[in-house]
Protein backbone atom coordinates (compact mmCIF):
# COMPACT_ATOMS: atom_id res chain seq x y z
CA MET A 1 95.66 85.65 95.94
CA ILE A 2 97.86 86.32 92.92
CA ILE A 3 101.24 87.94 92.37
CA GLY A 4 100.64 91.12 90.40
CA PRO A 5 102.78 92.58 87.63
CA ASP A 6 104.46 94.69 90.34
CA GLY A 7 105.70 91.54 92.11
CA ALA A 8 103.39 92.08 95.09
CA PRO A 9 100.76 89.72 96.48
CA TRP A 10 97.21 90.94 95.74
CA VAL A 11 94.28 89.49 97.66
CA THR A 12 90.49 89.53 97.44
CA GLU A 13 89.98 89.96 101.16
CA GLY A 14 86.45 88.76 101.88
CA GLY A 15 86.59 89.43 105.61
CA THR A 16 86.90 93.19 105.09
CA ASN A 17 85.27 93.33 101.62
CA ALA A 18 88.40 94.86 100.10
CA ILE A 19 91.13 94.40 97.54
CA VAL A 20 94.48 94.23 99.33
CA ARG A 21 98.11 94.63 98.24
CA VAL A 22 101.04 93.55 100.41
CA ASP A 23 104.34 95.28 99.67
CA PRO A 24 106.91 92.46 99.33
CA GLN A 25 109.74 94.61 100.71
CA THR A 26 108.14 96.51 103.59
CA ARG A 27 105.13 94.22 104.21
CA GLU A 28 102.96 97.34 104.24
CA VAL A 29 99.32 96.46 103.59
CA LYS A 30 97.23 98.73 101.38
CA ARG A 31 93.44 98.22 101.27
CA TRP A 32 90.87 99.39 98.78
CA PRO A 33 87.43 98.67 100.29
CA LEU A 34 84.44 98.16 98.04
CA PRO A 35 82.12 101.17 97.85
CA GLU A 36 79.75 101.61 100.78
CA GLY A 37 76.33 100.18 100.16
CA ARG A 38 77.64 97.20 98.20
CA GLY A 39 77.21 94.87 101.15
CA TYR A 40 79.09 91.62 101.58
CA ALA A 41 80.38 90.67 98.12
CA ASN A 42 81.92 87.26 98.92
CA LEU A 43 85.01 88.33 96.97
CA ASN A 44 86.74 85.54 95.12
CA THR A 45 89.29 85.96 92.37
CA LEU A 46 91.25 88.74 90.67
CA THR A 47 93.30 89.39 87.54
CA PHE A 48 95.19 92.32 86.02
CA ASP A 49 94.46 93.76 82.60
CA LYS A 50 97.25 95.07 80.39
CA ARG A 51 96.61 98.62 81.66
CA GLY A 52 97.55 97.60 85.21
CA ARG A 53 93.98 97.62 86.53
CA VAL A 54 92.70 94.91 88.85
CA TRP A 55 89.49 93.07 87.90
CA PHE A 56 87.74 90.98 90.53
CA THR A 57 84.65 88.88 91.20
CA GLY A 58 82.27 88.43 94.10
CA GLN A 59 79.99 85.42 94.34
CA SER A 60 77.20 87.58 95.77
CA GLY A 61 76.64 88.84 92.23
CA ILE A 62 79.26 91.44 91.41
CA TYR A 63 82.40 92.01 89.39
CA GLY A 64 84.56 95.10 89.50
CA ARG A 65 87.64 97.04 88.55
CA LEU A 66 90.23 98.89 90.63
CA ASP A 67 92.81 101.27 89.21
CA PRO A 68 95.61 101.07 91.81
CA LYS A 69 97.26 104.23 90.42
CA THR A 70 94.24 106.44 91.14
CA GLY A 71 92.28 104.35 93.64
CA ALA A 72 89.21 104.54 91.40
CA MET A 73 87.00 101.51 91.89
CA GLN A 74 83.88 100.53 89.98
CA VAL A 75 81.60 97.65 90.84
CA TRP A 76 78.90 96.26 88.57
CA ASP A 77 76.03 93.87 89.17
CA ALA A 78 76.54 90.61 87.31
CA PRO A 79 74.00 90.07 84.52
CA ARG A 80 72.54 86.95 86.12
CA GLY A 81 73.01 87.76 89.78
CA ARG A 82 74.89 85.45 92.14
CA GLY A 83 77.84 83.40 91.00
CA PRO A 84 80.83 85.30 89.56
CA TYR A 85 83.86 83.28 90.61
CA GLY A 86 86.99 82.73 88.49
CA ILE A 87 88.37 85.57 86.34
CA THR A 88 91.25 85.70 83.87
CA THR A 89 93.05 87.88 81.36
CA THR A 90 93.86 86.34 77.98
CA PRO A 91 97.23 86.83 76.23
CA ASP A 92 95.49 89.44 74.03
CA GLY A 93 94.32 91.33 77.12
CA ASP A 94 90.63 90.39 77.16
CA VAL A 95 89.01 89.71 80.55
CA TYR A 96 86.53 86.87 81.13
CA TYR A 97 84.88 85.54 84.27
CA ALA A 98 83.04 82.33 85.04
CA SER A 99 79.80 82.37 87.01
CA LEU A 100 79.41 79.27 89.13
CA ALA A 101 75.78 79.87 90.18
CA GLY A 102 74.89 81.79 87.02
CA ASN A 103 75.96 78.96 84.69
CA HIS A 104 77.78 81.09 82.13
CA ILE A 105 81.01 82.83 81.28
CA ALA A 106 81.16 86.50 80.40
CA ARG A 107 83.50 88.73 78.45
CA VAL A 108 84.02 92.12 80.08
CA ASP A 109 84.35 95.30 78.04
CA LEU A 110 87.47 96.88 79.52
CA ASP A 111 86.31 100.44 78.86
CA THR A 112 82.65 100.35 79.90
CA GLY A 113 82.59 97.35 82.26
CA THR A 114 79.59 95.87 80.48
CA THR A 115 79.54 92.13 79.88
CA THR A 116 78.67 89.83 77.03
CA VAL A 117 77.28 86.55 78.35
CA ILE A 118 78.56 83.43 76.63
CA GLU A 119 76.40 80.35 77.01
CA PRO A 120 78.39 77.18 77.65
CA PRO A 121 77.60 74.13 75.53
CA THR A 122 76.38 72.17 78.59
CA LYS A 123 73.28 73.55 80.32
CA ASP A 124 73.57 74.16 84.09
CA GLN A 125 77.24 73.17 84.06
CA GLY A 126 78.31 75.49 86.88
CA ALA A 127 81.76 76.54 85.63
CA ARG A 128 83.95 77.72 88.49
CA ARG A 129 87.04 78.95 86.63
CA VAL A 130 87.90 80.23 83.16
CA TRP A 131 91.26 80.27 81.35
CA SER A 132 92.47 80.83 77.84
CA ASP A 133 94.93 78.92 75.74
CA SER A 134 98.09 80.47 74.29
CA ARG A 135 96.06 81.88 71.37
CA GLY A 136 93.54 83.59 73.68
CA VAL A 137 90.70 81.13 73.21
CA SER A 138 88.77 81.00 76.50
CA GLY A 139 87.13 77.93 77.88
């Protein structure tokens, strides 16, 4: 769970395979389920890009994007299958995720959703989370 730029709690709700927002004033719960046919995603972490879209990971081998304004959701298969876990947005607005089982980090193209895999310096390291420093350098 994170607090979004709108001040509301946002949750990767693995039990219902959905992204969830809880209105902090009314406690109304809004759900955006993953597309049918995606199966159990084992949703994990989410982040917002600078356009207000929600990016998320699922350890079953997916990452995705939700535009809360339109409800449009896209889900992509991770380049190395199972493992996407932690995800972050850098101060410059770039989105990266770490793949625990896939042993890599990836930079996500915010327009196309494609990824660029970045090999860590330690083989089979199993990174769980990814962050950036104040200059946007991810690690």
